[in-house]
Amino acid sequence: MKIVYAPQAKADLSEIRGYIRDELKNPAAAKNTVEKILKTCNLLAANPNAGFALEGKIGRESDYRCLVSGNYIAFYRVENRVEIMRILDGRTDPMRVVFGSATI
């Protein structure tokens, strides 16, 4: 199945890379972290339901699924393709970012 990244997911990856490279002063870790996230997301091409469904976990209807890659969570939807919507640090409150107020 084809994987596409929404503009916000691309921006998230850029922010992750920039933060690790510039704030943490670790360019190698920045590159490795983003590569690991992309490699994990690429697993969805063969198995789009590999992540867990948010339906029933957040107190509202949702067609989003989540896939964990290290400290990061990729939020995605599956229709005729896998669309990665956001990639957020799981140590923050990613549900609040994606849904406004929901937390697991």
Protein backbone atom coordinates (compact mmCIF):
# COMPACT_ATOMS: atom_id res chain seq x y z
CA MET A 1 0.00 0.00 0.00
CA LYS A 2 1.22 3.50 -0.77
CA ILE A 3 2.35 5.73 2.11
CA VAL A 4 1.97 9.50 1.92
CA TYR A 5 2.95 12.13 4.46
CA ALA A 6 0.62 15.05 5.14
CA PRO A 7 2.32 18.47 5.11
CA GLN A 8 2.07 18.66 8.91
CA ALA A 9 3.77 15.26 9.30
CA LYS A 10 6.61 16.48 7.08
CA ALA A 11 6.86 19.61 9.24
CA ASP A 12 6.88 17.42 12.37
CA LEU A 13 9.83 15.42 11.01
CA SER A 14 11.67 18.62 10.19
CA GLU A 15 11.06 19.95 13.71
CA ILE A 16 12.25 16.68 15.28
CA ARG A 17 15.41 16.74 13.16
CA GLY A 18 16.05 20.41 13.89
CA TYR A 19 15.52 20.10 17.63
CA ILE A 20 17.89 17.16 18.03
CA ARG A 21 20.48 18.65 15.67
CA ASP A 22 20.40 22.25 16.91
CA GLU A 23 19.14 22.23 20.50
CA LEU A 24 20.72 18.95 21.57
CA LYS A 25 23.76 19.55 19.33
CA ASN A 26 23.68 16.02 17.96
CA PRO A 27 23.43 15.88 14.15
CA ALA A 28 24.09 12.13 14.00
CA ALA A 29 21.26 11.39 16.45
CA ALA A 30 18.96 13.72 14.50
CA LYS A 31 19.62 11.81 11.28
CA ASN A 32 19.29 8.41 12.98
CA THR A 33 16.07 9.34 14.78
CA VAL A 34 14.32 10.54 11.62
CA GLU A 35 15.57 7.51 9.67
CA LYS A 36 14.21 5.19 12.37
CA ILE A 37 10.82 6.93 12.31
CA LEU A 38 10.64 6.67 8.51
CA LYS A 39 11.72 3.02 8.58
CA THR A 40 9.01 2.23 11.13
CA CYS A 41 6.37 4.08 9.10
CA ASN A 42 7.43 2.20 5.97
CA LEU A 43 6.34 -1.03 7.68
CA LEU A 44 2.77 0.20 7.14
CA ALA A 45 3.10 -0.36 3.39
CA ALA A 46 2.98 -4.13 3.94
CA ASN A 47 0.76 -4.09 7.03
CA PRO A 48 -1.34 -0.91 7.28
CA ASN A 49 -3.10 -2.09 10.43
CA ALA A 50 0.17 -2.67 12.32
CA GLY A 51 -0.50 0.26 14.64
CA PHE A 52 -3.29 0.41 17.17
CA ALA A 53 -6.69 1.98 16.50
CA LEU A 54 -7.63 5.01 18.59
CA GLU A 55 -11.34 4.21 18.32
CA GLY A 56 -12.62 3.57 21.82
CA LYS A 57 -9.42 4.76 23.51
CA ILE A 58 -10.03 8.51 23.40
CA GLY A 59 -13.72 8.83 24.21
CA ARG A 60 -14.75 9.84 20.70
CA GLU A 61 -14.99 8.41 17.21
CA SER A 62 -11.79 8.43 15.22
CA ASP A 63 -10.40 6.76 12.13
CA TYR A 64 -6.84 7.43 13.31
CA ARG A 65 -4.38 4.69 14.10
CA CYS A 66 -1.04 5.07 15.89
CA LEU A 67 2.34 3.50 15.37
CA VAL A 68 5.11 3.91 17.94
CA SER A 69 8.72 4.45 16.92
CA GLY A 70 10.97 4.95 19.92
CA ASN A 71 9.75 8.07 21.73
CA TYR A 72 7.61 9.15 18.77
CA ILE A 73 4.07 8.34 17.70
CA ALA A 74 2.89 8.45 14.10
CA PHE A 75 -0.82 9.20 13.74
CA TYR A 76 -2.20 7.87 10.48
CA ARG A 77 -5.32 6.88 8.56
CA VAL A 78 -5.90 4.00 6.19
CA GLU A 79 -8.17 4.26 3.18
CA ASN A 80 -6.86 3.36 -0.26
CA ARG A 81 -3.45 4.47 1.05
CA VAL A 82 -1.73 5.07 4.36
CA GLU A 83 -1.68 8.76 5.17
CA ILE A 84 0.66 9.78 7.97
CA MET A 85 -1.02 12.83 9.52
CA ARG A 86 1.28 13.76 12.44
CA ILE A 87 4.47 12.51 14.07
CA LEU A 88 4.75 13.66 17.67
CA ASP A 89 6.88 13.07 20.73
CA GLY A 90 5.03 10.59 22.94
CA ARG A 91 6.57 12.13 26.06
CA THR A 92 4.44 15.23 25.56
CA ASP A 93 0.64 15.11 25.24
CA PRO A 94 0.23 14.14 21.59
CA MET A 95 -3.49 13.43 21.95
CA ARG A 96 -4.05 17.04 22.99
CA VAL A 97 -2.13 18.23 19.92
CA VAL A 98 -4.07 15.99 17.53
CA PHE A 99 -7.54 16.11 19.07
CA GLY A 100 -7.54 19.28 21.14
CA SER A 101 -8.30 17.86 24.57
CA ALA A 102 -8.42 14.06 24.49
CA THR A 103 -5.90 11.98 26.36
CA ILE A 104 -5.56 8.22 26.64
